[in-house]
């Protein structure tokens, strides 16, 4: 089976709905989908006062998301 590629960037809600089928996308896009969801969760935990570790995780994920979105934009 040939893996699909995303044709545009996603918001959290879109990523959430794609999660059950994320495995059908190329590895970079599957990771992008999962990173969007994890980033949202990390921000929620930080804002709930669960510690600075969540903020650091959110920052790392945000960097990875921006990098992937730049790669995607360059390929269009």
N, C-alpha and C. Protein backbone atom coordinates (compact mmCIF):
# COMPACT_ATOMS: atom_id res chain seq x y z
N UNK A 1 0.84 -1.18 0.00
CA UNK A 1 0.00 0.00 0.00
C UNK A 1 0.88 1.24 0.00
N UNK A 2 0.57 2.17 -0.88
CA UNK A 2 1.32 3.40 -0.97
C UNK A 2 0.81 4.37 0.10
N UNK A 3 1.75 5.00 0.79
CA UNK A 3 1.41 5.94 1.86
C UNK A 3 1.01 7.28 1.25
N UNK A 4 0.08 7.96 1.94
CA UNK A 4 -0.39 9.28 1.50
C UNK A 4 0.53 10.37 2.04
N UNK A 5 0.47 11.52 1.38
CA UNK A 5 1.19 12.70 1.85
C UNK A 5 0.16 13.80 2.11
N UNK A 6 0.43 14.58 3.15
CA UNK A 6 -0.44 15.72 3.42
C UNK A 6 -0.27 16.77 2.33
N UNK A 7 -1.35 17.47 2.02
CA UNK A 7 -1.30 18.49 0.99
C UNK A 7 -1.38 19.90 1.57
N UNK A 8 -1.51 19.99 2.88
CA UNK A 8 -1.52 21.29 3.55
C UNK A 8 -1.22 21.10 5.03
N UNK A 9 -0.97 22.21 5.73
CA UNK A 9 -0.73 22.14 7.16
C UNK A 9 -2.05 21.88 7.88
N UNK A 10 -1.94 21.48 9.13
CA UNK A 10 -3.13 21.12 9.90
C UNK A 10 -3.23 21.92 11.18
N UNK A 11 -4.44 22.06 11.67
CA UNK A 11 -4.69 22.57 13.01
C UNK A 11 -4.88 21.37 13.93
N UNK A 12 -4.91 21.61 15.23
CA UNK A 12 -5.05 20.52 16.19
C UNK A 12 -6.28 19.66 15.88
N UNK A 13 -7.42 20.28 15.62
CA UNK A 13 -8.65 19.53 15.37
C UNK A 13 -8.54 18.60 14.18
N UNK A 14 -7.89 19.07 13.13
CA UNK A 14 -7.69 18.22 11.95
C UNK A 14 -6.78 17.04 12.29
N UNK A 15 -5.71 17.32 13.03
CA UNK A 15 -4.78 16.26 13.41
C UNK A 15 -5.48 15.23 14.28
N UNK A 16 -6.31 15.69 15.19
CA UNK A 16 -7.03 14.78 16.08
C UNK A 16 -7.90 13.81 15.29
N UNK A 17 -8.57 14.32 14.26
CA UNK A 17 -9.44 13.46 13.45
C UNK A 17 -8.64 12.54 12.53
N UNK A 18 -7.42 12.91 12.21
CA UNK A 18 -6.58 12.06 11.36
C UNK A 18 -5.80 11.01 12.15
N UNK A 19 -5.77 11.15 13.47
CA UNK A 19 -4.96 10.24 14.28
C UNK A 19 -5.25 8.76 14.01
N UNK A 20 -6.51 8.34 13.92
CA UNK A 20 -6.76 6.91 13.69
C UNK A 20 -6.19 6.38 12.37
N UNK A 21 -5.98 7.26 11.41
CA UNK A 21 -5.45 6.83 10.11
C UNK A 21 -4.06 7.40 9.85
N UNK A 22 -3.41 7.94 10.87
CA UNK A 22 -2.09 8.55 10.71
C UNK A 22 -1.08 7.57 10.13
N UNK A 23 -1.25 6.29 10.44
CA UNK A 23 -0.31 5.27 9.94
C UNK A 23 -0.37 5.11 8.42
N UNK A 24 -1.39 5.67 7.78
CA UNK A 24 -1.51 5.57 6.33
C UNK A 24 -0.75 6.69 5.61
N UNK A 25 -0.14 7.59 6.38
CA UNK A 25 0.63 8.70 5.81
C UNK A 25 2.12 8.39 5.88
N UNK A 26 2.90 9.07 5.06
CA UNK A 26 4.35 8.89 5.11
C UNK A 26 4.82 9.22 6.52
N UNK A 27 5.97 8.67 6.88
CA UNK A 27 6.46 8.78 8.26
C UNK A 27 6.54 10.23 8.75
N UNK A 28 7.01 11.14 7.92
CA UNK A 28 7.15 12.53 8.32
C UNK A 28 5.80 13.16 8.65
N UNK A 29 4.78 12.82 7.86
CA UNK A 29 3.45 13.37 8.09
C UNK A 29 2.78 12.70 9.29
N UNK A 30 3.04 11.41 9.49
CA UNK A 30 2.50 10.73 10.66
C UNK A 30 3.06 11.37 11.93
N UNK A 31 4.35 11.64 11.95
CA UNK A 31 4.97 12.29 13.10
C UNK A 31 4.42 13.69 13.29
N UNK A 32 4.21 14.42 12.22
CA UNK A 32 3.64 15.78 12.27
C UNK A 32 2.25 15.74 12.92
N UNK A 33 1.42 14.81 12.51
CA UNK A 33 0.08 14.67 13.09
C UNK A 33 0.18 14.41 14.59
N UNK A 34 1.03 13.48 14.97
CA UNK A 34 1.18 13.14 16.39
C UNK A 34 1.79 14.29 17.19
N UNK A 35 2.74 15.00 16.59
CA UNK A 35 3.34 16.14 17.28
C UNK A 35 2.33 17.24 17.56
N UNK A 36 1.42 17.49 16.62
CA UNK A 36 0.39 18.50 16.84
C UNK A 36 -0.48 18.15 18.05
N UNK A 37 -0.84 16.89 18.16
CA UNK A 37 -1.68 16.45 19.27
C UNK A 37 -0.91 16.53 20.59
N UNK A 38 0.32 16.06 20.59
CA UNK A 38 1.14 16.09 21.80
C UNK A 38 1.43 17.53 22.24
N UNK A 39 1.64 18.43 21.28
CA UNK A 39 1.89 19.83 21.59
C UNK A 39 0.69 20.44 22.30
N UNK A 40 -0.48 20.17 21.79
CA UNK A 40 -1.71 20.68 22.40
C UNK A 40 -1.84 20.17 23.84
N UNK A 41 -1.59 18.89 24.04
CA UNK A 41 -1.69 18.29 25.37
C UNK A 41 -0.65 18.89 26.32
N UNK A 42 0.58 19.06 25.84
CA UNK A 42 1.63 19.63 26.68
C UNK A 42 1.29 21.05 27.12
N UNK A 43 0.74 21.84 26.22
CA UNK A 43 0.33 23.19 26.58
C UNK A 43 -0.79 23.18 27.62
N UNK A 44 -1.73 22.28 27.45
CA UNK A 44 -2.82 22.15 28.43
C UNK A 44 -2.27 21.81 29.81
N UNK A 45 -1.35 20.87 29.88
CA UNK A 45 -0.78 20.46 31.16
C UNK A 45 0.00 21.60 31.81
N UNK A 46 0.76 22.35 30.99
CA UNK A 46 1.52 23.48 31.52
C UNK A 46 0.57 24.54 32.06
N UNK A 47 -0.46 24.86 31.29
CA UNK A 47 -1.42 25.89 31.71
C UNK A 47 -2.21 25.46 32.94
N UNK A 48 -2.32 24.15 33.16
CA UNK A 48 -3.01 23.63 34.35
C UNK A 48 -2.10 23.66 35.57
N UNK A 49 -0.84 24.06 35.38
CA UNK A 49 0.08 24.17 36.50
C UNK A 49 0.82 22.90 36.84
N UNK A 50 0.97 22.01 35.86
CA UNK A 50 1.62 20.73 36.12
C UNK A 50 3.14 20.77 36.01
N UNK A 51 3.72 21.95 35.89
CA UNK A 51 5.17 22.05 35.91
C UNK A 51 5.77 22.58 34.62
N UNK A 52 7.01 23.07 34.76
CA UNK A 52 7.73 23.67 33.64
C UNK A 52 8.19 22.64 32.61
N UNK A 53 8.27 21.37 33.03
CA UNK A 53 8.66 20.33 32.08
C UNK A 53 7.71 20.27 30.89
N UNK A 54 6.44 20.52 31.15
CA UNK A 54 5.46 20.52 30.06
C UNK A 54 5.71 21.66 29.09
N UNK A 55 6.14 22.81 29.61
CA UNK A 55 6.44 23.95 28.75
C UNK A 55 7.64 23.63 27.86
N UNK A 56 8.66 23.00 28.45
CA UNK A 56 9.83 22.62 27.65
C UNK A 56 9.44 21.62 26.57
N UNK A 57 8.59 20.67 26.90
CA UNK A 57 8.13 19.70 25.91
C UNK A 57 7.36 20.40 24.79
N UNK A 58 6.49 21.32 25.17
CA UNK A 58 5.71 22.06 24.18
C UNK A 58 6.62 22.86 23.26
N UNK A 59 7.68 23.44 23.81
CA UNK A 59 8.62 24.22 23.00
C UNK A 59 9.34 23.34 21.99
N UNK A 60 9.77 22.16 22.42
CA UNK A 60 10.46 21.22 21.51
C UNK A 60 9.50 20.78 20.40
N UNK A 61 8.28 20.44 20.78
CA UNK A 61 7.30 20.01 19.79
C UNK A 61 6.97 21.14 18.82
N UNK A 62 6.84 22.36 19.33
CA UNK A 62 6.54 23.50 18.45
C UNK A 62 7.65 23.70 17.42
N UNK A 63 8.89 23.52 17.85
CA UNK A 63 10.02 23.65 16.92
C UNK A 63 9.94 22.58 15.83
N UNK A 64 9.64 21.35 16.22
CA UNK A 64 9.53 20.27 15.24
C UNK A 64 8.37 20.51 14.28
N UNK A 65 7.26 21.04 14.80
CA UNK A 65 6.09 21.33 13.97
C UNK A 65 6.44 22.42 12.96
N UNK A 66 7.07 23.49 13.42
CA UNK A 66 7.46 24.59 12.50
C UNK A 66 8.41 24.09 11.42
N UNK A 67 9.34 23.24 11.82
CA UNK A 67 10.30 22.71 10.85
C UNK A 67 9.58 21.88 9.78
N UNK A 68 8.66 21.02 10.20
CA UNK A 68 7.94 20.19 9.23
C UNK A 68 7.07 21.05 8.33
N UNK A 69 6.41 22.09 8.90
CA UNK A 69 5.58 22.95 8.08
C UNK A 69 6.41 23.71 7.05
N UNK A 70 7.63 24.10 7.43
CA UNK A 70 8.52 24.76 6.48
C UNK A 70 8.93 23.80 5.36
N UNK A 71 9.20 22.55 5.72
CA UNK A 71 9.54 21.54 4.71
C UNK A 71 8.37 21.32 3.77
N UNK A 72 7.17 21.26 4.33
CA UNK A 72 5.97 21.04 3.51
C UNK A 72 5.76 22.22 2.56
N UNK A 73 5.90 23.43 3.07
CA UNK A 73 5.69 24.63 2.25
C UNK A 73 6.71 24.69 1.11
N UNK A 74 7.93 24.28 1.39
CA UNK A 74 8.98 24.30 0.36
C UNK A 74 8.72 23.29 -0.74
N UNK A 75 7.99 22.24 -0.44
CA UNK A 75 7.74 21.19 -1.45
C UNK A 75 6.50 21.46 -2.28
N UNK A 76 5.74 22.49 -1.95
CA UNK A 76 4.52 22.76 -2.72
C UNK A 76 4.83 23.61 -3.86
